[in-house]
Amino acid sequence: MRLVSGELIKLESLAEQDTFVHKCHPAIKIIVTFLFIIISVSGGRYQLASPIALLAYPWLLSTLSATPLKILHQRFIWALPFPVFAGIANLIFEQAPLYTLGGISISYGLVSLIVLVLKTYLTVIAVLLLLATTRWQDIFAVCERCHIPQIFCQTLTLIYRYLAVLTDEAWRMYHSYLLRAPRKKAIHFKDMGTFCGQLILRSFDRASRLYAAMKCRGWNSSSSVASKQPLVFSDLVYLFCSLCAVIVLTAIF
């Protein structure tokens, strides 16, 4: 639980850096990410060259934004089982050889599995790079300007903002439980219901105090989640260069 809280803070701290990518307008970065995901998943299930070529874009973007790929890969591991388990069936039903390298036959099923993993990698890394270079409130400010319901944007913003507070509360309760039961290494199953119930009650109490503090500081339902950022010429240059790079990589390979 403490690890989850630390990971959220680490990802949020990356969005506060002062690089060229971080300074770009959030709407431009959202558009580039959305189009990159569409291009990444639009290829055929046996087209291996295109996803491999598109790997250059997120790796270059991580370098320009000073975002460590190690942190992004640690989060991608959580999504890796989904494409792997989804593509295992292809190894069984598509055993016809597609390529032969050094006398080793590579089946259609293996190629489709690799392509599925690469497409998942590209989409997940693209979203993580967006979160690592754009503040959460700026993303939802763009959503509000796109006429997405304000209550929806504010609810998700508050959930993200105070998720770390909830994990810290759960960690304190977990630590207190272990102090009262030193011979146990985890919460016993028979105590799980009481633990979850107490966590819900403490969360309601903490949420009430947080809401009262926000009201005292002038917050209301019409408060914007972020200040408006003007669109400048450099943002259009970033949009043009990013789309050209992705299209060229896709067209060549």
Protein backbone atom coordinates (compact mmCIF):
# COMPACT_ATOMS: atom_id res chain seq x y z
CA MET A 1 0.00 0.00 0.00
CA ARG A 2 2.81 2.38 0.80
CA LEU A 3 4.42 1.32 -2.49
CA VAL A 4 1.29 2.34 -4.42
CA SER A 5 1.29 5.74 -2.74
CA GLY A 6 4.97 6.25 -3.54
CA GLU A 7 4.49 5.27 -7.18
CA LEU A 8 1.65 7.78 -7.59
CA ILE A 9 3.78 10.56 -6.13
CA LYS A 10 6.75 9.58 -8.31
CA LEU A 11 4.69 9.70 -11.51
CA GLU A 12 3.16 13.03 -10.52
CA SER A 13 6.56 14.53 -9.74
CA LEU A 14 7.74 13.70 -13.26
CA ALA A 15 4.97 15.92 -14.66
CA GLU A 16 6.41 18.93 -12.80
CA GLN A 17 9.66 18.98 -14.78
CA ASP A 18 10.64 21.92 -16.99
CA THR A 19 11.42 20.44 -20.41
CA PHE A 20 10.19 21.39 -23.87
CA VAL A 21 7.70 18.54 -23.86
CA HIS A 22 6.32 19.51 -20.45
CA LYS A 23 5.79 23.11 -21.62
CA CYS A 24 3.70 22.09 -24.62
CA HIS A 25 -0.03 22.64 -24.47
CA PRO A 26 -1.81 19.66 -22.87
CA ALA A 27 -4.39 19.53 -25.67
CA ILE A 28 -1.63 19.07 -28.24
CA LYS A 29 -0.07 16.24 -26.24
CA ILE A 30 -3.45 14.54 -25.86
CA ILE A 31 -4.07 14.77 -29.61
CA VAL A 32 -0.62 13.38 -30.43
CA THR A 33 -1.06 10.52 -27.95
CA PHE A 34 -4.53 9.69 -29.28
CA LEU A 35 -3.37 9.64 -32.92
CA PHE A 36 -0.27 7.63 -32.03
CA ILE A 37 -2.40 4.98 -30.35
CA ILE A 38 -4.70 4.79 -33.39
CA ILE A 39 -1.74 4.38 -35.75
CA SER A 40 -0.11 1.81 -33.45
CA VAL A 41 -3.13 -0.49 -33.30
CA SER A 42 -4.27 -0.04 -36.91
CA GLY A 43 -1.71 -2.41 -38.46
CA GLY A 44 -2.36 -6.01 -39.35
CA ARG A 45 -1.91 -8.84 -36.88
CA TYR A 46 1.10 -10.20 -38.79
CA GLN A 47 2.80 -6.86 -39.57
CA LEU A 48 5.82 -6.97 -37.31
CA ALA A 49 7.95 -4.23 -38.89
CA SER A 50 5.58 -1.33 -38.20
CA PRO A 51 5.29 -1.79 -34.39
CA ILE A 52 9.05 -2.27 -34.12
CA ALA A 53 9.66 0.96 -36.04
CA LEU A 54 7.18 2.87 -33.88
CA LEU A 55 9.22 1.97 -30.79
CA ALA A 56 11.58 4.78 -31.77
CA TYR A 57 8.98 7.45 -31.06
CA PRO A 58 8.25 6.79 -27.34
CA TRP A 59 11.93 6.16 -26.68
CA LEU A 60 12.85 9.48 -28.29
CA LEU A 61 10.04 11.28 -26.46
CA SER A 62 11.19 9.85 -23.12
CA THR A 63 14.67 11.21 -23.81
CA LEU A 64 13.39 14.69 -24.73
CA SER A 65 11.15 14.81 -21.65
CA ALA A 66 13.81 13.38 -19.27
CA THR A 67 11.44 10.57 -18.30
CA PRO A 68 13.25 7.37 -17.24
CA LEU A 69 12.08 4.40 -19.28
CA LYS A 70 12.72 2.17 -16.27
CA ILE A 71 9.82 3.76 -14.39
CA LEU A 72 7.51 3.33 -17.38
CA HIS A 73 8.54 -0.30 -17.86
CA GLN A 74 7.80 -1.06 -14.22
CA ARG A 75 4.22 0.04 -14.80
CA PHE A 76 3.95 -1.76 -18.13
CA ILE A 77 4.67 -5.08 -16.39
CA TRP A 78 1.22 -4.86 -14.78
CA ALA A 79 -0.39 -4.80 -18.25
CA LEU A 80 1.85 -7.45 -19.81
CA PRO A 81 -0.15 -10.55 -18.72
CA PHE A 82 -3.25 -9.42 -20.66
CA PRO A 83 -1.74 -9.54 -24.19
CA VAL A 84 0.33 -12.60 -23.32
CA PHE A 85 -2.66 -14.66 -22.18
CA ALA A 86 -4.77 -13.31 -25.05
CA GLY A 87 -2.17 -14.35 -27.62
CA ILE A 88 -1.25 -17.76 -26.23
CA ALA A 89 -4.19 -19.32 -28.08
CA ASN A 90 -2.64 -18.18 -31.37
CA LEU A 91 0.38 -20.39 -30.69
CA ILE A 92 -1.94 -23.39 -30.55
CA PHE A 93 -4.27 -22.70 -33.48
CA GLU A 94 -1.86 -20.97 -35.90
CA GLN A 95 1.18 -23.24 -36.18
CA ALA A 96 1.79 -22.77 -39.91
CA PRO A 97 5.28 -21.31 -40.57
CA LEU A 98 5.44 -17.65 -41.65
CA TYR A 99 9.20 -17.00 -41.54
CA THR A 100 12.28 -19.17 -41.49
CA LEU A 101 15.39 -17.77 -39.80
CA GLY A 102 18.50 -19.94 -39.68
CA GLY A 103 16.50 -23.08 -40.18
CA ILE A 104 14.07 -22.14 -37.39
CA SER A 105 10.43 -21.77 -38.41
CA ILE A 106 8.45 -18.90 -36.91
CA SER A 107 4.74 -19.60 -36.94
CA TYR A 108 1.86 -17.23 -37.59
CA GLY A 109 0.78 -17.64 -33.96
CA LEU A 110 4.14 -16.53 -32.58
CA VAL A 111 4.26 -13.48 -34.84
CA SER A 112 0.71 -12.46 -33.89
CA LEU A 113 1.59 -12.86 -30.21
CA ILE A 114 4.66 -10.63 -30.57
CA VAL A 115 2.67 -8.04 -32.52
CA LEU A 116 -0.04 -8.02 -29.84
CA VAL A 117 2.53 -7.49 -27.08
CA LEU A 118 4.24 -4.70 -29.04
CA LYS A 119 0.94 -2.91 -29.70
CA THR A 120 0.05 -3.13 -26.02
CA TYR A 121 3.48 -1.81 -25.11
CA LEU A 122 3.14 1.15 -27.48
CA THR A 123 -0.31 2.14 -26.21
CA VAL A 124 0.54 1.78 -22.51
CA ILE A 125 3.86 3.62 -22.81
CA ALA A 126 2.17 6.40 -24.80
CA VAL A 127 -0.42 6.93 -22.05
CA LEU A 128 2.23 6.79 -19.33
CA LEU A 129 4.35 9.36 -21.17
CA LEU A 130 1.30 11.62 -21.36
CA LEU A 131 0.80 11.32 -17.59
CA ALA A 132 4.52 11.80 -16.94
CA THR A 133 4.68 15.01 -18.99
CA THR A 134 1.26 16.52 -18.24
CA ARG A 135 -0.30 17.36 -14.91
CA TRP A 136 -3.48 15.48 -14.11
CA GLN A 137 -5.50 18.67 -13.58
CA ASP A 138 -4.35 20.06 -16.95
CA ILE A 139 -5.62 16.93 -18.70
CA PHE A 140 -9.06 17.30 -17.15
CA ALA A 141 -9.05 21.03 -17.87
CA VAL A 142 -8.82 20.11 -21.55
CA CYS A 143 -11.62 17.60 -21.06
CA GLU A 144 -13.84 20.33 -19.59
CA ARG A 145 -13.19 22.54 -22.63
CA CYS A 146 -14.24 19.59 -24.82
CA HIS A 147 -17.64 19.76 -23.05
CA ILE A 148 -17.14 16.63 -20.98
CA PRO A 149 -19.39 17.02 -17.87
CA GLN A 150 -17.61 19.06 -15.23
CA ILE A 151 -18.75 16.85 -12.35
CA PHE A 152 -17.15 13.86 -14.09
CA CYS A 153 -13.80 15.64 -14.48
CA GLN A 154 -13.80 16.97 -10.93
CA THR A 155 -14.70 13.57 -9.47
CA LEU A 156 -11.85 11.82 -11.26
CA THR A 157 -9.45 14.62 -10.31
CA LEU A 158 -10.34 14.31 -6.62
CA ILE A 159 -10.11 10.50 -6.76
CA TYR A 160 -6.63 10.69 -8.26
CA ARG A 161 -5.55 13.45 -5.90
CA TYR A 162 -6.59 11.67 -2.70
CA LEU A 163 -5.88 8.09 -3.68
CA ALA A 164 -2.51 8.46 -1.98
CA VAL A 165 -4.31 9.65 1.17
CA LEU A 166 -6.45 6.50 1.14
CA THR A 167 -3.43 4.22 0.73
CA ASP A 168 -1.66 5.97 3.62
CA GLU A 169 -4.75 5.48 5.80
CA ALA A 170 -4.87 1.79 4.87
CA TRP A 171 -1.13 1.47 5.61
CA ARG A 172 -1.56 2.92 9.09
CA MET A 173 -4.42 0.51 9.82
CA TYR A 174 -2.39 -2.41 8.47
CA HIS A 175 0.61 -1.43 10.60
CA SER A 176 -1.59 -1.10 13.69
CA TYR A 177 -3.06 -4.53 13.04
CA LEU A 178 0.38 -6.11 12.89
CA LEU A 179 1.39 -4.41 16.14
CA ARG A 180 -1.61 -5.98 17.86
CA ALA A 181 -0.92 -9.39 16.27
CA PRO A 182 2.88 -9.71 16.16
CA ARG A 183 2.80 -13.39 15.19
CA LYS A 184 0.84 -12.72 12.01
CA LYS A 185 2.48 -11.62 8.78
CA ALA A 186 -0.72 -10.43 7.13
CA ILE A 187 -4.35 -9.67 7.90
CA HIS A 188 -6.22 -12.83 8.78
CA PHE A 189 -9.16 -13.68 6.54
CA LYS A 190 -11.66 -13.57 9.42
CA ASP A 191 -10.55 -10.01 10.24
CA MET A 192 -10.73 -8.75 6.67
CA GLY A 193 -14.39 -7.72 6.91
CA THR A 194 -13.77 -5.62 10.02
CA PHE A 195 -10.64 -4.11 8.48
CA CYS A 196 -12.45 -3.06 5.30
CA GLY A 197 -15.42 -1.71 7.25
CA GLN A 198 -13.17 0.40 9.47
CA LEU A 199 -11.30 1.65 6.42
CA ILE A 200 -14.58 2.78 4.82
CA LEU A 201 -15.66 4.59 8.00
CA ARG A 202 -12.28 6.28 8.41
CA SER A 203 -12.34 7.23 4.71
CA PHE A 204 -15.77 8.88 5.12
CA ASP A 205 -14.49 10.81 8.13
CA ARG A 206 -11.31 11.86 6.34
CA ALA A 207 -13.29 12.87 3.25
CA SER A 208 -15.62 15.06 5.34
CA ARG A 209 -12.67 16.88 6.89
CA LEU A 210 -11.02 17.33 3.48
CA TYR A 211 -14.24 18.68 1.99
CA ALA A 212 -14.64 21.14 4.89
CA ALA A 213 -11.06 22.32 4.38
CA MET A 214 -11.66 22.81 0.65
CA LYS A 215 -14.85 24.82 1.32
CA CYS A 216 -12.98 27.01 3.79
CA ARG A 217 -10.46 27.78 1.05
CA GLY A 218 -13.17 28.89 -1.38
CA TRP A 219 -13.69 25.76 -3.45
CA ASN A 220 -17.04 25.28 -5.16
CA SER A 221 -18.49 23.03 -7.87
CA SER A 222 -17.77 25.62 -10.56
CA SER A 223 -14.06 25.87 -9.71
CA SER A 224 -11.87 25.02 -12.67
CA VAL A 225 -9.36 22.22 -12.20
CA ALA A 226 -6.56 24.24 -13.83
CA SER A 227 -5.81 27.62 -15.31
CA LYS A 228 -6.17 28.11 -19.05
CA GLN A 229 -2.93 27.82 -21.04
CA PRO A 230 -2.68 29.71 -24.33
CA LEU A 231 -1.78 27.90 -27.53
CA VAL A 232 1.53 29.17 -28.97
CA PHE A 233 3.43 28.54 -32.20
CA SER A 234 5.83 26.05 -30.60
CA ASP A 235 2.87 23.82 -29.73
CA LEU A 236 1.88 23.61 -33.39
CA VAL A 237 5.49 22.84 -34.31
CA TYR A 238 5.51 19.98 -31.78
CA LEU A 239 2.23 18.65 -33.21
CA PHE A 240 3.50 18.81 -36.79
CA CYS A 241 6.88 17.22 -36.03
CA SER A 242 5.37 14.44 -33.92
CA LEU A 243 2.79 13.47 -36.52
CA CYS A 244 5.36 13.61 -39.33
CA ALA A 245 7.74 11.36 -37.37
CA VAL A 246 5.04 8.77 -36.67
CA ILE A 247 3.74 8.81 -40.26
CA VAL A 248 7.24 8.49 -41.72
CA LEU A 249 8.10 5.56 -39.45
CA THR A 250 4.86 3.82 -40.41
CA ALA A 251 5.23 4.52 -44.15
CA ILE A 252 8.85 3.35 -44.38
CA PHE A 253 8.39 0.11 -42.48
